[in-house]
Amino acid sequence: MIENVLEQVVTLIESEPRSGQALLLYALCKTLDIEKSGHMYMLKKLADLTPENRQFAYGLMEMMSKGENSGQGWDEMLARMDRAIRG
């Protein structure tokens, strides 16, 4: 699941960019992109995710722990998320 978790998250955000679930996952991705922030994401927000989307969040955090939250692929996916959220 981890290999394609980012693609699945982007697809979810692109399909429903104004939904609460999309916005929660988007916020997590943007937080994981800013190392200087200490990756500050309020863990209480995980409870607001559906069980399926919480698995995406865990996969994204696993990517961060492996240092996979940077580079061209990560940046391209964040750009897609940004476009979807901004409309």
N, C-alpha and C. Protein backbone atom coordinates (compact mmCIF):
# COMPACT_ATOMS: atom_id res chain seq x y z
N MET A 1 0.82 -1.20 0.00
CA MET A 1 0.00 0.00 0.00
C MET A 1 0.86 1.26 0.00
N ILE A 2 1.98 1.23 0.69
CA ILE A 2 2.80 2.43 0.83
C ILE A 2 3.27 2.93 -0.53
N GLU A 3 3.58 2.01 -1.45
CA GLU A 3 4.12 2.41 -2.74
C GLU A 3 3.16 3.34 -3.49
N ASN A 4 1.88 3.10 -3.37
CA ASN A 4 0.94 3.92 -4.13
C ASN A 4 0.04 4.76 -3.24
N VAL A 5 0.36 4.85 -1.96
CA VAL A 5 -0.49 5.63 -1.06
C VAL A 5 -0.58 7.09 -1.50
N LEU A 6 0.51 7.66 -1.93
CA LEU A 6 0.49 9.05 -2.34
C LEU A 6 -0.41 9.25 -3.56
N GLU A 7 -0.33 8.36 -4.51
CA GLU A 7 -1.20 8.44 -5.69
C GLU A 7 -2.67 8.31 -5.28
N GLN A 8 -2.96 7.41 -4.36
CA GLN A 8 -4.34 7.24 -3.90
C GLN A 8 -4.85 8.49 -3.19
N VAL A 9 -4.00 9.09 -2.40
CA VAL A 9 -4.38 10.32 -1.70
C VAL A 9 -4.63 11.44 -2.71
N VAL A 10 -3.78 11.56 -3.69
CA VAL A 10 -3.97 12.60 -4.72
C VAL A 10 -5.28 12.36 -5.46
N THR A 11 -5.55 11.12 -5.82
CA THR A 11 -6.80 10.79 -6.52
C THR A 11 -8.01 11.16 -5.68
N LEU A 12 -7.96 10.85 -4.39
CA LEU A 12 -9.06 11.20 -3.50
C LEU A 12 -9.24 12.72 -3.44
N ILE A 13 -8.14 13.44 -3.30
CA ILE A 13 -8.21 14.90 -3.22
C ILE A 13 -8.73 15.49 -4.53
N GLU A 14 -8.28 14.95 -5.65
CA GLU A 14 -8.74 15.46 -6.95
C GLU A 14 -10.22 15.18 -7.17
N SER A 15 -10.71 14.06 -6.65
CA SER A 15 -12.11 13.70 -6.87
C SER A 15 -13.07 14.48 -5.98
N GLU A 16 -12.62 14.87 -4.80
CA GLU A 16 -13.49 15.61 -3.87
C GLU A 16 -12.68 16.67 -3.13
N PRO A 17 -12.17 17.68 -3.85
CA PRO A 17 -11.25 18.63 -3.23
C PRO A 17 -11.84 19.48 -2.11
N ARG A 18 -13.13 19.56 -2.01
CA ARG A 18 -13.76 20.38 -0.96
C ARG A 18 -14.26 19.55 0.22
N SER A 19 -14.07 18.24 0.16
CA SER A 19 -14.55 17.41 1.27
C SER A 19 -13.63 17.54 2.48
N GLY A 20 -14.18 17.31 3.64
CA GLY A 20 -13.39 17.36 4.86
C GLY A 20 -12.26 16.36 4.85
N GLN A 21 -12.52 15.17 4.31
CA GLN A 21 -11.49 14.13 4.27
C GLN A 21 -10.32 14.56 3.39
N ALA A 22 -10.63 15.14 2.24
CA ALA A 22 -9.57 15.60 1.34
C ALA A 22 -8.75 16.70 1.99
N LEU A 23 -9.42 17.61 2.66
CA LEU A 23 -8.71 18.72 3.29
C LEU A 23 -7.83 18.24 4.45
N LEU A 24 -8.28 17.26 5.20
CA LEU A 24 -7.47 16.71 6.29
C LEU A 24 -6.21 16.04 5.75
N LEU A 25 -6.36 15.25 4.69
CA LEU A 25 -5.20 14.57 4.11
C LEU A 25 -4.26 15.58 3.44
N TYR A 26 -4.83 16.58 2.81
CA TYR A 26 -4.02 17.64 2.19
C TYR A 26 -3.18 18.34 3.26
N ALA A 27 -3.81 18.66 4.37
CA ALA A 27 -3.09 19.33 5.47
C ALA A 27 -1.95 18.45 5.98
N LEU A 28 -2.18 17.16 6.08
CA LEU A 28 -1.12 16.25 6.52
C LEU A 28 0.03 16.25 5.52
N CYS A 29 -0.29 16.15 4.25
CA CYS A 29 0.77 16.14 3.22
C CYS A 29 1.57 17.44 3.25
N LYS A 30 0.89 18.56 3.37
CA LYS A 30 1.59 19.84 3.40
C LYS A 30 2.47 19.93 4.65
N THR A 31 2.00 19.39 5.76
CA THR A 31 2.79 19.38 6.99
C THR A 31 4.02 18.50 6.83
N LEU A 32 3.86 17.34 6.20
CA LEU A 32 4.99 16.43 6.01
C LEU A 32 6.01 17.01 5.04
N ASP A 33 5.60 17.98 4.26
CA ASP A 33 6.50 18.60 3.29
C ASP A 33 7.41 19.65 3.92
N ILE A 34 7.08 20.09 5.12
CA ILE A 34 7.83 21.18 5.76
C ILE A 34 8.55 20.64 6.98
N GLU A 35 9.77 20.16 6.79
CA GLU A 35 10.52 19.55 7.87
C GLU A 35 10.80 20.53 9.00
N LYS A 36 11.02 21.79 8.65
CA LYS A 36 11.33 22.79 9.68
C LYS A 36 10.22 22.92 10.71
N SER A 37 9.01 22.58 10.32
CA SER A 37 7.89 22.70 11.25
C SER A 37 7.89 21.55 12.25
N GLY A 38 8.79 20.62 12.08
CA GLY A 38 8.78 19.43 12.93
C GLY A 38 7.63 18.52 12.57
N HIS A 39 7.10 18.71 11.36
CA HIS A 39 5.97 17.93 10.88
C HIS A 39 4.82 18.01 11.89
N MET A 40 4.47 19.21 12.27
CA MET A 40 3.42 19.43 13.26
C MET A 40 2.04 19.21 12.66
N TYR A 41 1.41 18.13 13.05
CA TYR A 41 0.05 17.80 12.64
C TYR A 41 -0.67 17.34 13.89
N MET A 42 -1.77 17.93 14.20
CA MET A 42 -2.47 17.58 15.42
C MET A 42 -3.03 16.16 15.29
N LEU A 43 -2.50 15.26 16.08
CA LEU A 43 -2.89 13.86 15.98
C LEU A 43 -4.38 13.64 16.23
N LYS A 44 -4.99 14.53 16.95
CA LYS A 44 -6.44 14.43 17.18
C LYS A 44 -7.20 14.43 15.86
N LYS A 45 -6.62 15.08 14.85
CA LYS A 45 -7.27 15.13 13.53
C LYS A 45 -7.39 13.75 12.90
N LEU A 46 -6.54 12.80 13.29
CA LEU A 46 -6.65 11.45 12.75
C LEU A 46 -8.01 10.83 13.07
N ALA A 47 -8.58 11.20 14.20
CA ALA A 47 -9.89 10.68 14.58
C ALA A 47 -11.00 11.18 13.66
N ASP A 48 -10.76 12.30 12.98
CA ASP A 48 -11.75 12.85 12.06
C ASP A 48 -11.74 12.16 10.70
N LEU A 49 -10.71 11.38 10.44
CA LEU A 49 -10.62 10.64 9.17
C LEU A 49 -11.42 9.35 9.26
N THR A 50 -11.93 8.92 8.12
CA THR A 50 -12.57 7.60 8.07
C THR A 50 -11.48 6.55 8.29
N PRO A 51 -11.86 5.34 8.72
CA PRO A 51 -10.83 4.30 8.91
C PRO A 51 -9.98 4.08 7.66
N GLU A 52 -10.60 4.09 6.48
CA GLU A 52 -9.84 3.90 5.23
C GLU A 52 -8.84 5.04 5.02
N ASN A 53 -9.30 6.26 5.22
CA ASN A 53 -8.41 7.40 5.01
C ASN A 53 -7.36 7.52 6.10
N ARG A 54 -7.66 7.01 7.28
CA ARG A 54 -6.65 6.97 8.34
C ARG A 54 -5.49 6.08 7.92
N GLN A 55 -5.79 5.01 7.18
CA GLN A 55 -4.72 4.15 6.67
C GLN A 55 -3.83 4.91 5.69
N PHE A 56 -4.44 5.79 4.89
CA PHE A 56 -3.64 6.64 4.01
C PHE A 56 -2.71 7.52 4.84
N ALA A 57 -3.25 8.09 5.92
CA ALA A 57 -2.44 8.96 6.78
C ALA A 57 -1.26 8.18 7.35
N TYR A 58 -1.51 6.96 7.80
CA TYR A 58 -0.42 6.15 8.35
C TYR A 58 0.62 5.84 7.27
N GLY A 59 0.14 5.58 6.06
CA GLY A 59 1.06 5.33 4.95
C GLY A 59 1.90 6.55 4.63
N LEU A 60 1.29 7.72 4.68
CA LEU A 60 2.04 8.96 4.44
C LEU A 60 3.08 9.18 5.52
N MET A 61 2.73 8.88 6.76
CA MET A 61 3.69 9.04 7.85
C MET A 61 4.84 8.03 7.72
N GLU A 62 4.53 6.85 7.22
CA GLU A 62 5.57 5.85 6.98
C GLU A 62 6.51 6.34 5.89
N MET A 63 5.96 6.96 4.86
CA MET A 63 6.80 7.54 3.81
C MET A 63 7.75 8.57 4.40
N MET A 64 7.24 9.42 5.29
CA MET A 64 8.07 10.44 5.93
C MET A 64 9.17 9.79 6.75
N SER A 65 8.84 8.73 7.47
CA SER A 65 9.85 8.08 8.32
C SER A 65 10.97 7.46 7.49
N LYS A 66 10.68 7.15 6.24
CA LYS A 66 11.68 6.59 5.33
C LYS A 66 12.37 7.66 4.49
N GLY A 67 11.98 8.92 4.70
CA GLY A 67 12.57 10.00 3.93
C GLY A 67 12.04 10.11 2.51
N GLU A 68 10.87 9.55 2.27
CA GLU A 68 10.29 9.54 0.93
C GLU A 68 9.36 10.73 0.68
N ASN A 69 9.37 11.70 1.58
CA ASN A 69 8.49 12.86 1.43
C ASN A 69 9.26 14.04 0.86
N SER A 70 10.04 13.76 -0.16
CA SER A 70 10.77 14.80 -0.87
C SER A 70 11.14 14.26 -2.24
N GLY A 71 11.62 15.14 -3.08
CA GLY A 71 12.03 14.73 -4.42
C GLY A 71 10.99 15.06 -5.46
N GLN A 72 11.32 14.76 -6.68
CA GLN A 72 10.48 15.13 -7.82
C GLN A 72 9.09 14.50 -7.76
N GLY A 73 9.02 13.21 -7.46
CA GLY A 73 7.72 12.53 -7.41
C GLY A 73 6.81 13.13 -6.35
N TRP A 74 7.37 13.36 -5.17
CA TRP A 74 6.61 13.96 -4.07
C TRP A 74 6.14 15.36 -4.48
N ASP A 75 7.06 16.15 -5.04
CA ASP A 75 6.72 17.52 -5.43
C ASP A 75 5.62 17.55 -6.49
N GLU A 76 5.68 16.62 -7.44
CA GLU A 76 4.65 16.56 -8.49
C GLU A 76 3.29 16.23 -7.89
N MET A 77 3.27 15.31 -6.94
CA MET A 77 2.00 14.95 -6.31
C MET A 77 1.44 16.11 -5.49
N LEU A 78 2.31 16.83 -4.78
CA LEU A 78 1.84 17.99 -4.02
C LEU A 78 1.30 19.07 -4.96
N ALA A 79 1.94 19.23 -6.10
CA ALA A 79 1.45 20.22 -7.08
C ALA A 79 0.07 19.83 -7.57
N ARG A 80 -0.17 18.55 -7.80
CA ARG A 80 -1.51 18.09 -8.21
C ARG A 80 -2.52 18.36 -7.12
N MET A 81 -2.14 18.12 -5.86
CA MET A 81 -3.03 18.40 -4.74
C MET A 81 -3.36 19.89 -4.67
N ASP A 82 -2.31 20.71 -4.80
CA ASP A 82 -2.50 22.16 -4.75
C ASP A 82 -3.50 22.61 -5.82
N ARG A 83 -3.33 22.11 -7.03
CA ARG A 83 -4.25 22.48 -8.12
C ARG A 83 -5.67 22.06 -7.81
N ALA A 84 -5.84 20.87 -7.28
CA ALA A 84 -7.19 20.37 -6.96
C ALA A 84 -7.84 21.21 -5.86
N ILE A 85 -7.09 21.51 -4.83
CA ILE A 85 -7.64 22.28 -3.71
C ILE A 85 -7.97 23.71 -4.14
N ARG A 86 -7.11 24.28 -4.94
CA ARG A 86 -7.33 25.67 -5.38
C ARG A 86 -8.41 25.80 -6.44
N GLY A 87 -8.71 24.66 -7.09
CA GLY A 87 -9.74 24.66 -8.11
C GLY A 87 -9.24 25.16 -9.38
